[in-house]
Amino acid sequence: MTSLLAKSSKRRSTTVAVSGLAMVGALIAGAGSAHAADDNWYDQSALLTSCNQNVNGLGKADRCRFEPAKRSIFTGPAKQVGSTVHACGGKVTFGRQTTEGRTEENSISVSAGVEAGLSKIFSASIQTSFGHTWSYSSSETEEISAEVPEYSIGFATIAPAMQRVTGRMVINYPKRRHGHFEWYAYPTLTQYDPDEMQYATVTIQTRPMNASERQSMCNNSGAVSTAPTTHTTIHLAQSGTSQGTSLSATPRN
């Protein structure tokens, strides 16, 4: 009798152990499925958009704040400013040259209306953290002292001082969204930097007109310019610098 009871007890213990393993396996599988669902849903563009408007699956965030991590300064690509100068009656001096407006660039694609609203959040945090001007749209004006020789064509380009900021947008919801109250997006922002003009480069390029240009632009095909082709850099940008620390995190309950 004792032997039979012992065997029965062992069988029950084995059954309990197997059932327990099955439950653990189900929990692990469930956790994996939930994580996969979150990964499929985790759209940073939608997260940022929810800071300004309702988004299917998220609703509208009740609070968004930007935590800047790193800021770097660099020289942007050169673009022509002002019009091309045609010097017909004598030397022509460049005056004030203004670029077109530059809009903040955001690595996470959202609509223009949303970007304008987000920029206010970015601007306040960046100016507080790094003490530098940040705006959604900017332009640059330079007083350029350079001459275009007679019967020559000239134009000016500016390679502007730029700043790039990386960081984390912390997005809070009034109720759990896919298991979390708090989600993060990690945009990279690029904008003109009016506080770092020493990183900008201004270049003047001139060349003599050919015969057809002298005729069409100056109504004088006989005159010839003896001025050489020039490529003059008025001031050279410094090497880029950076400041700040890195950030990383996952959605938090």
Protein backbone atom coordinates (compact mmCIF):
# COMPACT_ATOMS: atom_id res chain seq x y z
CA MET A 1 0.00 0.00 0.00
CA THR A 2 2.81 2.36 0.89
CA SER A 3 4.46 1.72 -2.45
CA LEU A 4 1.27 2.47 -4.41
CA LEU A 5 0.73 5.76 -2.57
CA ALA A 6 4.27 6.84 -3.26
CA LYS A 7 3.94 6.14 -6.99
CA SER A 8 0.64 8.02 -7.16
CA SER A 9 2.21 11.03 -5.42
CA LYS A 10 5.05 11.08 -7.89
CA ARG A 11 2.65 11.02 -10.83
CA ARG A 12 0.71 13.99 -9.40
CA SER A 13 3.94 15.94 -8.86
CA THR A 14 4.99 15.31 -12.45
CA THR A 15 1.59 16.47 -13.70
CA VAL A 16 1.81 19.70 -11.67
CA ALA A 17 5.32 20.39 -12.95
CA VAL A 18 4.29 19.90 -16.57
CA SER A 19 1.26 22.19 -16.10
CA GLY A 20 3.49 24.85 -14.53
CA LEU A 21 5.91 24.72 -17.45
CA ALA A 22 3.02 25.05 -19.88
CA MET A 23 1.80 28.19 -18.07
CA VAL A 24 5.30 29.75 -18.11
CA GLY A 25 5.60 28.96 -21.81
CA ALA A 26 2.27 30.63 -22.50
CA LEU A 27 3.34 33.75 -20.58
CA ILE A 28 6.62 33.96 -22.49
CA ALA A 29 4.82 33.53 -25.80
CA GLY A 30 2.30 36.19 -24.80
CA ALA A 31 5.05 38.61 -23.84
CA GLY A 32 6.80 38.01 -27.15
CA SER A 33 3.58 38.67 -29.06
CA ALA A 34 2.94 41.90 -27.17
CA HIS A 35 6.50 43.08 -27.80
CA ALA A 36 6.18 42.31 -31.50
CA ALA A 37 2.89 44.20 -31.62
CA ASP A 38 4.52 47.21 -29.98
CA ASP A 39 7.38 47.06 -32.49
CA ASN A 40 4.95 47.01 -35.39
CA TRP A 41 3.01 49.91 -33.92
CA TYR A 42 6.03 52.00 -32.85
CA ASP A 43 5.84 54.74 -35.48
CA GLN A 44 7.88 57.77 -34.43
CA SER A 45 6.12 60.02 -36.93
CA ALA A 46 2.75 59.10 -35.37
CA LEU A 47 4.15 59.68 -31.89
CA LEU A 48 5.34 63.18 -32.77
CA THR A 49 2.10 63.98 -34.59
CA SER A 50 0.15 63.01 -31.47
CA CYS A 51 1.77 65.97 -29.69
CA ASN A 52 -0.43 68.24 -31.83
CA GLN A 53 -3.46 66.25 -32.91
CA ASN A 54 -5.39 63.01 -32.49
CA VAL A 55 -3.78 59.95 -34.07
CA ASN A 56 -5.56 56.63 -34.56
CA GLY A 57 -4.39 54.19 -31.93
CA LEU A 58 -2.85 56.92 -29.78
CA GLY A 59 -5.32 59.75 -29.42
CA LYS A 60 -3.62 63.02 -28.44
CA ALA A 61 -0.76 63.30 -25.99
CA ASP A 62 -1.41 65.47 -22.96
CA ARG A 63 2.25 66.46 -22.62
CA CYS A 64 5.34 66.50 -24.85
CA ARG A 65 8.77 67.75 -23.82
CA PHE A 66 12.09 67.64 -25.66
CA GLU A 67 15.30 66.57 -23.93
CA PRO A 68 18.30 67.70 -26.03
CA ALA A 69 21.32 65.41 -25.88
CA LYS A 70 23.96 66.59 -28.36
CA ARG A 71 24.48 69.75 -30.39
CA SER A 72 27.02 70.13 -33.18
CA ILE A 73 28.00 73.16 -35.27
CA PHE A 74 29.09 72.82 -38.89
CA THR A 75 29.25 74.65 -42.22
CA GLY A 76 26.29 73.97 -44.49
CA PRO A 77 26.26 73.66 -48.28
CA ALA A 78 26.94 76.83 -50.28
CA LYS A 79 24.04 78.53 -52.09
CA GLN A 80 23.97 81.60 -54.27
CA VAL A 81 22.56 84.70 -52.59
CA GLY A 82 21.21 87.70 -54.41
CA SER A 83 21.24 88.00 -58.18
CA THR A 84 24.05 87.50 -60.66
CA VAL A 85 25.85 90.82 -61.32
CA HIS A 86 26.68 91.96 -64.86
CA ALA A 87 29.22 94.79 -64.84
CA CYS A 88 28.89 96.76 -68.08
CA GLY A 89 29.61 100.40 -67.32
CA GLY A 90 32.45 99.89 -64.83
CA LYS A 91 33.17 97.94 -61.67
CA VAL A 92 30.14 96.89 -59.62
CA THR A 93 30.27 96.45 -55.83
CA PHE A 94 28.20 93.82 -54.04
CA GLY A 95 25.92 95.09 -51.27
CA ARG A 96 23.82 93.37 -48.64
CA GLN A 97 22.92 89.84 -49.68
CA THR A 98 20.13 87.89 -47.97
CA THR A 99 19.38 84.21 -48.28
CA GLU A 100 15.87 82.83 -48.60
CA GLY A 101 14.21 81.59 -45.39
CA ARG A 102 15.62 78.35 -44.01
CA THR A 103 13.19 75.99 -42.33
CA GLU A 104 14.13 73.58 -39.59
CA GLU A 105 14.80 70.07 -40.89
CA ASN A 106 13.47 67.12 -38.90
CA SER A 107 14.66 63.55 -39.53
CA ILE A 108 11.20 62.20 -38.59
CA SER A 109 8.73 63.09 -41.32
CA VAL A 110 5.58 64.87 -40.11
CA SER A 111 3.29 67.42 -41.77
CA ALA A 112 4.40 71.05 -42.07
CA GLY A 113 1.70 72.19 -39.65
CA VAL A 114 2.82 69.71 -37.04
CA GLU A 115 6.48 70.67 -37.54
CA ALA A 116 5.72 74.31 -36.83
CA GLY A 117 4.04 73.37 -33.55
CA LEU A 118 6.80 70.94 -32.56
CA SER A 119 9.44 73.56 -33.27
CA LYS A 120 8.17 75.65 -30.35
CA ILE A 121 8.82 72.69 -28.04
CA PHE A 122 12.26 72.07 -29.56
CA SER A 123 13.20 75.75 -29.47
CA ALA A 124 12.50 76.32 -25.78
CA SER A 125 14.51 73.26 -24.71
CA ILE A 126 17.45 73.86 -27.05
CA GLN A 127 17.80 77.51 -26.06
CA THR A 128 17.65 76.57 -22.36
CA SER A 129 20.10 73.65 -22.64
CA PHE A 130 22.69 75.14 -24.99
CA GLY A 131 22.03 78.90 -24.89
CA HIS A 132 21.67 79.20 -28.67
CA THR A 133 18.95 80.65 -30.86
CA TRP A 134 16.61 78.13 -32.49
CA SER A 135 13.67 78.97 -34.71
CA TYR A 136 11.45 77.25 -37.24
CA SER A 137 12.41 79.56 -40.08
CA SER A 138 15.45 81.83 -40.43
CA SER A 139 17.35 83.85 -43.01
CA GLU A 140 20.85 85.27 -43.18
CA THR A 141 22.08 88.67 -44.36
CA GLU A 142 25.71 89.49 -45.17
CA GLU A 143 27.34 92.80 -46.09
CA ILE A 144 29.66 91.73 -48.89
CA SER A 145 32.49 94.10 -49.84
CA ALA A 146 33.71 92.85 -53.21
CA GLU A 147 33.86 94.17 -56.75
CA VAL A 148 32.98 92.68 -60.12
CA PRO A 149 35.35 94.07 -62.82
CA GLU A 150 34.02 95.81 -65.94
CA TYR A 151 32.64 93.43 -68.56
CA SER A 152 32.62 90.59 -66.07
CA ILE A 153 29.93 88.45 -64.47
CA GLY A 154 29.91 87.79 -60.74
CA PHE A 155 27.85 86.19 -58.02
CA ALA A 156 28.14 85.47 -54.31
CA THR A 157 27.53 82.25 -52.39
CA ILE A 158 27.15 81.71 -48.66
CA ALA A 159 27.83 78.43 -46.90
CA PRO A 160 25.89 79.12 -43.68
CA ALA A 161 26.68 78.21 -40.10
CA MET A 162 24.39 75.33 -39.16
CA GLN A 163 23.54 73.45 -35.96
CA ARG A 164 22.37 69.88 -35.55
CA VAL A 165 20.67 68.69 -32.36
CA THR A 166 19.80 65.13 -31.37
CA GLY A 167 17.64 64.26 -28.39
CA ARG A 168 14.50 62.60 -27.10
CA MET A 169 10.91 63.75 -27.24
CA VAL A 170 9.13 62.46 -24.14
CA ILE A 171 5.45 61.92 -24.95
CA ASN A 172 2.92 61.33 -22.17
CA TYR A 173 -0.65 60.06 -22.65
CA PRO A 174 -3.57 60.35 -20.21
CA LYS A 175 -4.10 56.58 -20.41
CA ARG A 176 -1.99 53.61 -21.42
CA ARG A 177 -1.29 53.26 -25.13
CA HIS A 178 -0.14 49.76 -26.05
CA GLY A 179 0.76 49.17 -22.42
CA HIS A 180 2.58 52.42 -21.67
CA PHE A 181 1.73 55.93 -20.49
CA GLU A 182 5.06 57.33 -21.73
CA TRP A 183 6.66 56.90 -25.14
CA TYR A 184 9.79 58.33 -26.78
CA ALA A 185 10.77 59.57 -30.22
CA TYR A 186 14.33 60.44 -31.23
CA PRO A 187 14.44 63.21 -33.87
CA THR A 188 17.57 64.73 -35.38
CA LEU A 189 17.03 68.45 -35.98
CA THR A 190 18.99 70.75 -38.28
CA GLN A 191 18.74 74.53 -38.41
CA TYR A 192 20.64 77.68 -39.36
CA ASP A 193 22.71 79.03 -36.43
CA PRO A 194 22.79 82.85 -36.26
CA ASP A 195 24.97 82.74 -33.14
CA GLU A 196 27.93 81.04 -34.86
CA MET A 197 28.66 83.19 -37.91
CA GLN A 198 32.37 82.36 -37.66
CA TYR A 199 31.42 78.98 -39.15
CA ALA A 200 29.97 80.57 -42.31
CA THR A 201 31.89 81.06 -45.55
CA VAL A 202 31.22 83.76 -48.17
CA THR A 203 32.67 83.27 -51.66
CA ILE A 204 32.72 85.67 -54.63
CA GLN A 205 33.13 84.22 -58.10
CA THR A 206 33.75 86.37 -61.19
CA ARG A 207 34.66 85.70 -64.81
CA PRO A 208 35.01 87.78 -67.99
CA MET A 209 32.01 87.91 -70.35
CA ASN A 210 32.36 86.26 -73.71
CA ALA A 211 31.52 88.12 -76.91
CA SER A 212 27.86 87.04 -77.06
CA GLU A 213 27.33 87.95 -73.38
CA ARG A 214 28.88 91.39 -73.92
CA GLN A 215 26.54 91.92 -76.84
CA SER A 216 23.34 90.65 -75.17
CA MET A 217 23.96 92.06 -71.69
CA CYS A 218 25.90 95.24 -72.42
CA ASN A 219 25.07 95.87 -76.08
CA ASN A 220 28.78 96.08 -76.77
CA SER A 221 30.47 93.16 -78.48
CA GLY A 222 33.71 95.02 -79.11
CA ALA A 223 34.77 95.66 -75.52
CA VAL A 224 36.91 92.99 -73.89
CA SER A 225 37.55 92.42 -70.19
CA THR A 226 41.14 91.90 -69.17
CA ALA A 227 40.13 90.79 -65.66
CA PRO A 228 40.92 87.16 -64.77
CA THR A 229 38.48 84.57 -63.53
CA THR A 230 38.44 84.73 -59.70
CA HIS A 231 37.22 82.60 -56.84
CA THR A 232 37.63 84.53 -53.59
CA THR A 233 36.70 83.32 -50.14
CA ILE A 234 35.98 86.29 -47.88
CA HIS A 235 36.18 84.32 -44.64
CA LEU A 236 36.74 80.66 -44.02
CA ALA A 237 34.61 78.59 -41.66
CA GLN A 238 36.09 76.92 -38.62
CA SER A 239 36.03 73.19 -38.03
CA GLY A 240 32.79 71.92 -36.51
CA THR A 241 32.38 71.40 -32.77
CA SER A 242 29.88 69.56 -30.59
CA GLN A 243 28.58 69.54 -27.03
CA GLY A 244 26.20 67.42 -24.95
CA THR A 245 25.71 63.78 -24.01
CA SER A 246 23.90 60.79 -25.47
CA LEU A 247 20.41 59.61 -24.49
CA SER A 248 18.77 56.21 -24.77
CA ALA A 249 15.64 54.69 -23.25
CA THR A 250 12.59 52.49 -23.91
CA PRO A 251 8.89 53.23 -23.38
CA ARG A 252 8.06 53.51 -19.70
CA ASN A 253 4.85 52.64 -17.81
